[in-house]
Protein backbone atom coordinates (compact mmCIF):
# COMPACT_ATOMS: atom_id res chain seq x y z
CA GLY A 1 21.72 -2.00 -4.49
CA GLY A 2 20.29 -4.72 -6.63
CA ALA A 3 18.02 -4.55 -9.62
CA ALA A 4 14.60 -2.95 -9.25
CA MET A 5 11.71 -5.34 -8.70
CA GLY A 6 8.50 -3.90 -10.15
CA SER A 7 5.18 -4.38 -8.38
CA THR A 8 1.92 -5.63 -9.87
CA GLY A 9 0.97 -2.00 -10.59
CA CYS A 10 3.68 -1.66 -13.23
CA GLY A 11 2.13 -1.07 -16.62
CA LYS A 12 -1.12 0.39 -15.22
CA ALA A 13 -1.94 3.84 -16.56
CA VAL A 14 -2.87 6.44 -13.96
CA THR A 15 -4.84 9.65 -14.37
CA GLN A 16 -3.75 11.16 -11.06
CA ALA A 17 -2.16 14.59 -11.23
CA ALA A 18 1.52 14.72 -10.35
CA ARG A 19 3.17 16.78 -7.60
CA GLN A 20 0.11 17.12 -5.39
CA TRP A 21 -1.35 15.11 -2.55
CA VAL A 22 -4.39 13.16 -3.75
CA GLU A 23 -6.69 11.43 -1.27
CA MET A 24 -7.28 7.85 -2.30
CA THR A 25 -10.32 5.64 -1.76
CA PRO A 26 -10.29 4.78 1.96
CA LEU A 27 -8.89 1.38 2.88
CA ASP A 28 -11.07 -0.97 4.92
CA VAL A 29 -8.89 -2.24 7.75
CA SER A 30 -10.82 -4.61 10.00
CA GLY A 31 -14.06 -2.69 9.41
CA THR A 32 -12.58 0.79 9.87
CA MET A 33 -12.27 3.01 6.81
CA ARG A 34 -8.76 4.46 6.87
CA ARG A 35 -7.66 7.62 5.03
CA TRP A 36 -4.52 7.78 2.90
CA TRP A 37 -2.99 9.98 0.17
CA THR A 38 -0.44 9.56 -2.60
CA TYR A 39 1.93 11.98 -4.28
CA LEU A 40 3.34 11.14 -7.69
CA PRO A 41 6.49 12.67 -9.11
CA ASN A 42 6.56 14.78 -12.26
CA ASN A 43 6.71 12.63 -15.35
CA TYR A 44 5.50 9.54 -13.50
CA SER A 45 5.86 6.56 -15.82
CA PRO A 46 3.94 3.31 -15.24
CA THR A 47 6.91 1.44 -16.73
CA ARG A 48 9.53 2.73 -14.28
CA ALA A 49 9.72 1.05 -10.85
CA TYR A 50 9.88 3.88 -8.27
CA PRO A 51 10.97 3.82 -4.66
CA VAL A 52 8.05 4.52 -2.32
CA VAL A 53 8.32 6.49 0.91
CA PHE A 54 5.62 6.01 3.56
CA LEU A 55 5.16 9.07 5.79
CA PHE A 56 3.76 8.86 9.31
CA HIS A 57 2.64 12.10 10.97
CA GLY A 58 3.14 13.37 14.48
CA CYS A 59 0.08 13.70 16.72
CA GLY A 60 -2.51 15.80 14.92
CA THR A 61 -3.29 15.75 11.21
CA GLU A 62 -1.76 13.96 8.26
CA THR A 63 0.02 17.20 7.30
CA ASN A 64 2.04 17.24 10.57
CA ASN A 65 4.78 15.47 8.68
CA VAL A 66 8.27 15.70 7.24
CA PRO A 67 7.74 17.53 3.89
CA MET A 68 9.36 14.90 1.67
CA GLN A 69 7.48 16.25 -1.36
CA ASN A 70 9.92 19.18 -1.29
CA VAL A 71 12.93 16.96 -1.96
CA VAL A 72 11.99 13.82 -3.92
CA GLY A 73 11.79 15.53 -7.31
CA GLU A 74 11.02 12.94 -9.99
CA ASN A 75 12.43 10.01 -8.09
CA ALA A 76 9.86 8.62 -5.63
CA ILE A 77 6.22 7.99 -4.90
CA LEU A 78 5.04 9.25 -1.51
CA VAL A 79 2.27 7.77 0.63
CA ARG A 80 0.88 9.42 3.74
CA SER A 81 -1.99 8.42 5.96
CA LYS A 82 -4.02 9.42 9.00
CA ALA A 83 -4.14 7.77 12.41
CA VAL A 84 -7.64 6.96 13.67
CA THR A 85 -7.12 9.33 16.59
CA ASP A 86 -4.55 12.11 16.82
CA CYS A 87 -1.63 9.73 17.45
CA TRP A 88 -0.58 6.34 16.09
CA ASP A 89 -1.14 3.11 18.01
CA THR A 90 2.36 1.65 18.31
CA GLY A 91 1.48 -1.77 19.73
CA THR A 92 2.99 -4.70 17.84
CA SER A 93 -0.48 -5.99 16.88
CA SER A 94 -2.21 -2.60 16.56
CA PRO A 95 -4.64 -1.81 13.75
CA ASP A 96 -2.02 0.62 12.44
CA ILE A 97 0.28 -2.29 11.55
CA ALA A 98 -2.55 -3.81 9.48
CA PHE A 99 -3.15 -0.34 7.97
CA PHE A 100 0.50 -0.15 6.90
CA ASP A 101 0.16 -3.60 5.30
CA ALA A 102 -2.94 -2.41 3.42
CA GLN A 103 -1.13 0.72 2.20
CA VAL A 104 1.80 -1.36 0.93
CA ALA A 105 -0.57 -3.67 -0.95
CA ALA A 106 -2.60 -0.77 -2.41
CA ALA A 107 0.50 1.16 -3.51
CA ASP A 108 2.02 -1.96 -5.08
CA ALA A 109 -1.21 -2.69 -6.96
CA GLY A 110 -1.91 0.88 -8.09
CA TYR A 111 1.54 2.16 -9.06
CA CYS A 112 4.83 0.91 -10.43
CA VAL A 113 6.69 0.46 -7.13
CA ASP A 114 10.19 -0.92 -6.72
CA THR A 115 9.44 -3.51 -4.05
CA THR A 116 13.13 -3.59 -3.05
CA ARG A 117 13.09 0.13 -2.19
CA ARG A 118 10.30 0.80 0.30
CA PHE A 119 11.16 3.39 2.94
CA ALA A 120 9.44 5.07 5.89
CA VAL A 121 9.79 8.50 7.49
CA GLY A 122 8.09 9.44 10.73
CA TYR A 123 7.78 12.47 12.92
CA SER A 124 7.12 12.25 16.68
CA SER A 125 4.23 9.76 17.08
CA GLY A 126 4.95 8.61 13.51
CA SER A 127 8.53 7.88 14.54
CA TRP A 128 7.28 5.66 17.35
CA LEU A 129 5.18 3.78 14.76
CA ILE A 130 8.18 3.41 12.44
CA ASN A 131 10.21 1.97 15.29
CA THR A 132 7.43 -0.60 15.77
CA LEU A 133 7.23 -1.29 12.02
CA GLU A 134 10.98 -1.90 11.98
CA TRP A 135 10.43 -4.52 14.65
CA VAL A 136 7.41 -6.30 13.10
CA ARG A 137 7.75 -5.49 9.37
CA GLY A 138 11.50 -5.04 8.93
CA GLY A 139 11.52 -7.28 5.87
CA VAL A 140 9.09 -4.96 4.06
CA LEU A 141 11.17 -1.80 4.51
CA GLY A 142 14.69 -1.13 3.25
CA ALA A 143 15.38 1.89 5.44
CA ALA A 144 13.64 4.25 7.82
CA ALA A 145 14.19 7.71 9.24
CA SER A 146 12.66 9.07 12.41
CA VAL A 147 12.47 12.58 13.78
CA ALA A 148 11.84 12.99 17.53
CA GLY A 149 10.61 9.49 18.26
CA GLY A 150 11.20 6.59 20.54
CA SER A 151 10.48 2.94 21.08
CA PRO A 152 9.35 0.82 24.01
CA ARG A 153 11.09 -2.16 22.37
CA ARG A 154 14.66 -0.91 22.25
CA ASN A 155 17.38 -3.52 21.88
CA SER A 156 14.90 -6.27 21.00
CA CYS A 157 14.69 -6.06 17.20
CA MET A 158 13.65 -9.10 15.21
CA GLY A 159 13.96 -9.62 11.50
CA PRO A 160 16.42 -7.97 9.12
CA THR A 161 18.34 -4.90 10.19
CA LEU A 162 17.32 -1.70 8.41
CA ALA A 163 19.43 1.24 7.42
CA ARG A 164 18.33 3.93 9.88
CA LEU A 165 18.55 7.67 10.41
CA PHE A 166 17.56 9.13 13.78
CA ILE A 167 17.13 12.89 14.18
CA HIS A 168 16.47 14.09 17.68
CA ASP A 169 16.78 17.35 19.59
CA LEU A 170 18.88 16.89 22.70
CA ASN A 171 16.42 19.08 24.66
CA ASP A 172 13.12 17.63 23.34
CA ARG A 173 10.61 17.97 26.19
CA GLU A 174 8.00 15.56 24.74
CA ASN A 175 10.14 12.72 23.41
CA ALA A 176 13.34 12.17 25.39
CA ILE A 177 16.42 11.56 23.27
CA SER A 178 16.92 8.25 25.10
CA GLY A 179 14.00 6.93 23.00
CA SER A 180 16.11 7.26 19.84
CA ILE A 181 19.31 5.84 21.27
């Protein structure tokens, strides 16, 4: 990897408690107020550029997610959000793409983010969204991991290739493994 590239939020002091999910001021995305949360590592320093991991939940609530907070220790900022309905809209021009863009901008402005190390993790419906983000926002993300997802746009990627991890149960009854292949 190359040198860290700090975002505009580097140097800004924060009062947010570490190691807990904190709901942020909703983001206005095309007139809809969208909910999102951040999780800062212990000993967060506004002078250190941190990787950021965007988490996208499976159908249901924002907590129906891969529990990355259990493994990042002091080494990453986490961002999670909530779909307008139970599941994400995975269309290439969906409001959820604009919501992702707004989250990236807000995280970059509010925290010291390493803009060369943005990652995404999705579960089920969130994995479908990540597969769409890879297609339409591949240059924004460095890598992505999906658990039990799929994509209607297989074999038609545009933009830079991402490092990827696909986790899928061979016998998944809701998301066929063919969606991750």
